[in-house]
Amino acid sequence: MNPPTINIGDKAILKKPHPCGSFEWTVVRLGADIGVKCAKCGRRVLIDRLEFLKRLKSIEAQQHDGEDG
């Protein structure tokens, strides 16, 4: 099974909640670590890519509004 495609701006739903109670995170950085921002409280954290993939429940692609540039 191939890992999911992750892009900046995607919404990630993780298996365990953040201490504020939110399961939703927005991807803000990609690399060996994945940078995510909590949708409820705005806290930003870095998670190792392999750990992120273990915790990932689902990923929703960023909505594209159809404008170029």
N, C-alpha and C. Protein backbone atom coordinates (compact mmCIF):
# COMPACT_ATOMS: atom_id res chain seq x y z
N MET A 1 0.84 -1.18 0.00
CA MET A 1 0.00 0.00 0.00
C MET A 1 0.89 1.24 0.00
N ASN A 2 0.62 2.18 -0.91
CA ASN A 2 1.40 3.40 -1.01
C ASN A 2 0.93 4.41 0.02
N PRO A 3 1.87 5.21 0.57
CA PRO A 3 1.45 6.26 1.50
C PRO A 3 0.62 7.32 0.78
N PRO A 4 -0.26 8.00 1.49
CA PRO A 4 -1.10 9.01 0.85
C PRO A 4 -0.27 10.21 0.39
N THR A 5 -0.75 10.89 -0.63
CA THR A 5 -0.11 12.11 -1.10
C THR A 5 -0.50 13.24 -0.15
N ILE A 6 0.49 13.94 0.36
CA ILE A 6 0.26 15.03 1.30
C ILE A 6 0.78 16.31 0.69
N ASN A 7 -0.03 17.36 0.71
CA ASN A 7 0.36 18.67 0.19
C ASN A 7 0.11 19.73 1.25
N ILE A 8 0.83 20.83 1.13
CA ILE A 8 0.62 21.95 2.04
C ILE A 8 -0.81 22.47 1.86
N GLY A 9 -1.47 22.71 2.97
CA GLY A 9 -2.85 23.19 2.96
C GLY A 9 -3.88 22.09 3.14
N ASP A 10 -3.47 20.82 3.02
CA ASP A 10 -4.40 19.71 3.22
C ASP A 10 -4.84 19.65 4.68
N LYS A 11 -6.05 19.13 4.90
CA LYS A 11 -6.56 18.94 6.25
C LYS A 11 -6.35 17.48 6.64
N ALA A 12 -5.64 17.25 7.74
CA ALA A 12 -5.36 15.91 8.23
C ALA A 12 -6.20 15.65 9.48
N ILE A 13 -6.83 14.48 9.52
CA ILE A 13 -7.56 14.04 10.70
C ILE A 13 -6.70 12.96 11.35
N LEU A 14 -6.29 13.20 12.60
CA LEU A 14 -5.44 12.24 13.31
C LEU A 14 -6.27 11.37 14.24
N LYS A 15 -5.71 10.24 14.64
CA LYS A 15 -6.43 9.26 15.45
C LYS A 15 -6.68 9.75 16.88
N LYS A 16 -5.72 10.49 17.44
CA LYS A 16 -5.85 10.97 18.82
C LYS A 16 -6.03 12.48 18.82
N PRO A 17 -6.82 13.00 19.74
CA PRO A 17 -7.04 14.46 19.76
C PRO A 17 -5.87 15.22 20.37
N HIS A 18 -5.76 16.48 19.99
CA HIS A 18 -4.84 17.42 20.62
C HIS A 18 -5.41 17.71 22.01
N PRO A 19 -4.61 18.13 22.97
CA PRO A 19 -5.16 18.44 24.30
C PRO A 19 -6.33 19.44 24.29
N CYS A 20 -6.43 20.27 23.26
CA CYS A 20 -7.55 21.21 23.18
C CYS A 20 -8.83 20.51 22.74
N GLY A 21 -8.73 19.27 22.25
CA GLY A 21 -9.89 18.49 21.87
C GLY A 21 -10.10 18.31 20.37
N SER A 22 -9.29 18.96 19.55
CA SER A 22 -9.46 18.89 18.10
C SER A 22 -8.70 17.72 17.50
N PHE A 23 -9.32 17.08 16.49
CA PHE A 23 -8.67 16.02 15.73
C PHE A 23 -8.15 16.56 14.41
N GLU A 24 -8.53 17.78 14.02
CA GLU A 24 -8.21 18.34 12.71
C GLU A 24 -6.95 19.19 12.75
N TRP A 25 -6.09 18.98 11.75
CA TRP A 25 -4.84 19.71 11.60
C TRP A 25 -4.67 20.15 10.16
N THR A 26 -4.01 21.26 9.93
CA THR A 26 -3.70 21.73 8.58
C THR A 26 -2.21 21.56 8.35
N VAL A 27 -1.83 20.97 7.22
CA VAL A 27 -0.42 20.75 6.89
C VAL A 27 0.19 22.09 6.47
N VAL A 28 1.28 22.51 7.15
CA VAL A 28 1.92 23.78 6.85
C VAL A 28 3.37 23.63 6.41
N ARG A 29 3.95 22.42 6.54
CA ARG A 29 5.34 22.20 6.17
C ARG A 29 5.53 20.74 5.78
N LEU A 30 6.33 20.50 4.73
CA LEU A 30 6.63 19.14 4.31
C LEU A 30 8.13 18.92 4.28
N GLY A 31 8.56 17.73 4.58
CA GLY A 31 9.97 17.37 4.59
C GLY A 31 10.11 16.07 5.35
N ALA A 32 11.26 15.86 5.99
CA ALA A 32 11.43 14.68 6.82
C ALA A 32 10.45 14.73 8.00
N ASP A 33 10.15 15.96 8.43
CA ASP A 33 9.13 16.21 9.44
C ASP A 33 7.95 16.88 8.76
N ILE A 34 6.75 16.62 9.27
CA ILE A 34 5.55 17.26 8.75
C ILE A 34 5.14 18.33 9.77
N GLY A 35 5.01 19.56 9.31
CA GLY A 35 4.54 20.65 10.17
C GLY A 35 3.04 20.76 10.05
N VAL A 36 2.35 20.75 11.20
CA VAL A 36 0.90 20.85 11.20
C VAL A 36 0.45 21.92 12.18
N LYS A 37 -0.72 22.49 11.89
CA LYS A 37 -1.30 23.54 12.73
C LYS A 37 -2.68 23.08 13.17
N CYS A 38 -2.95 23.13 14.48
CA CYS A 38 -4.24 22.70 15.02
C CYS A 38 -5.34 23.62 14.51
N ALA A 39 -6.44 23.03 14.04
CA ALA A 39 -7.55 23.79 13.49
C ALA A 39 -8.32 24.55 14.58
N LYS A 40 -8.25 24.11 15.82
CA LYS A 40 -9.02 24.74 16.89
C LYS A 40 -8.23 25.83 17.62
N CYS A 41 -7.02 25.49 18.09
CA CYS A 41 -6.27 26.44 18.92
C CYS A 41 -5.12 27.13 18.18
N GLY A 42 -4.75 26.65 16.99
CA GLY A 42 -3.71 27.28 16.21
C GLY A 42 -2.29 26.88 16.56
N ARG A 43 -2.13 25.94 17.48
CA ARG A 43 -0.80 25.48 17.88
C ARG A 43 -0.11 24.79 16.70
N ARG A 44 1.18 25.08 16.49
CA ARG A 44 1.95 24.45 15.40
C ARG A 44 2.94 23.48 16.00
N VAL A 45 3.02 22.28 15.42
CA VAL A 45 3.96 21.27 15.88
C VAL A 45 4.60 20.57 14.68
N LEU A 46 5.77 20.00 14.90
CA LEU A 46 6.45 19.17 13.90
C LEU A 46 6.35 17.72 14.34
N ILE A 47 5.97 16.86 13.41
CA ILE A 47 5.86 15.42 13.69
C ILE A 47 6.71 14.70 12.65
N ASP A 48 7.51 13.75 13.10
CA ASP A 48 8.30 12.93 12.19
C ASP A 48 7.35 12.30 11.16
N ARG A 49 7.78 12.25 9.90
CA ARG A 49 6.91 11.77 8.81
C ARG A 49 6.35 10.37 9.10
N LEU A 50 7.19 9.44 9.56
CA LEU A 50 6.71 8.09 9.83
C LEU A 50 5.69 8.08 10.97
N GLU A 51 5.94 8.87 12.00
CA GLU A 51 5.00 8.97 13.12
C GLU A 51 3.69 9.60 12.66
N PHE A 52 3.78 10.62 11.81
CA PHE A 52 2.58 11.27 11.26
C PHE A 52 1.73 10.26 10.49
N LEU A 53 2.38 9.44 9.65
CA LEU A 53 1.64 8.45 8.87
C LEU A 53 0.98 7.39 9.76
N LYS A 54 1.61 7.05 10.89
CA LYS A 54 1.01 6.12 11.85
C LYS A 54 -0.23 6.73 12.50
N ARG A 55 -0.16 8.02 12.83
CA ARG A 55 -1.26 8.70 13.52
C ARG A 55 -2.38 9.13 12.59
N LEU A 56 -2.13 9.16 11.29
CA LEU A 56 -3.09 9.68 10.32
C LEU A 56 -4.31 8.77 10.18
N LYS A 57 -5.49 9.36 10.30
CA LYS A 57 -6.74 8.63 10.10
C LYS A 57 -7.25 8.88 8.69
N SER A 58 -7.26 10.15 8.26
CA SER A 58 -7.66 10.49 6.90
C SER A 58 -7.06 11.84 6.52
N ILE A 59 -7.03 12.09 5.22
CA ILE A 59 -6.50 13.35 4.70
C ILE A 59 -7.49 13.89 3.67
N GLU A 60 -7.77 15.18 3.76
CA GLU A 60 -8.68 15.83 2.82
C GLU A 60 -7.89 16.87 2.05
N ALA A 61 -7.92 16.78 0.72
CA ALA A 61 -7.17 17.70 -0.12
C ALA A 61 -7.70 19.11 0.06
N GLN A 62 -6.79 20.07 -0.08
CA GLN A 62 -7.14 21.48 0.00
C GLN A 62 -8.11 21.83 -1.11
N GLN A 63 -9.10 22.64 -0.80
CA GLN A 63 -10.07 23.08 -1.81
C GLN A 63 -9.41 24.09 -2.72
N HIS A 64 -9.52 23.87 -4.01
CA HIS A 64 -8.96 24.80 -5.01
C HIS A 64 -10.09 25.63 -5.55
N ASP A 65 -9.95 26.96 -5.51
CA ASP A 65 -11.04 27.83 -5.93
C ASP A 65 -11.08 28.10 -7.42
N GLY A 66 -10.18 27.51 -8.20
CA GLY A 66 -10.22 27.63 -9.65
C GLY A 66 -9.48 28.83 -10.22
N GLU A 67 -8.91 29.67 -9.37
CA GLU A 67 -8.15 30.83 -9.85
C GLU A 67 -6.71 30.43 -10.06
N ASP A 68 -6.11 30.96 -11.12
CA ASP A 68 -4.70 30.72 -11.39
C ASP A 68 -3.90 31.94 -10.98
N GLY A 69 -2.76 31.68 -10.29
CA GLY A 69 -1.85 32.74 -9.92
C GLY A 69 -2.34 33.52 -8.81
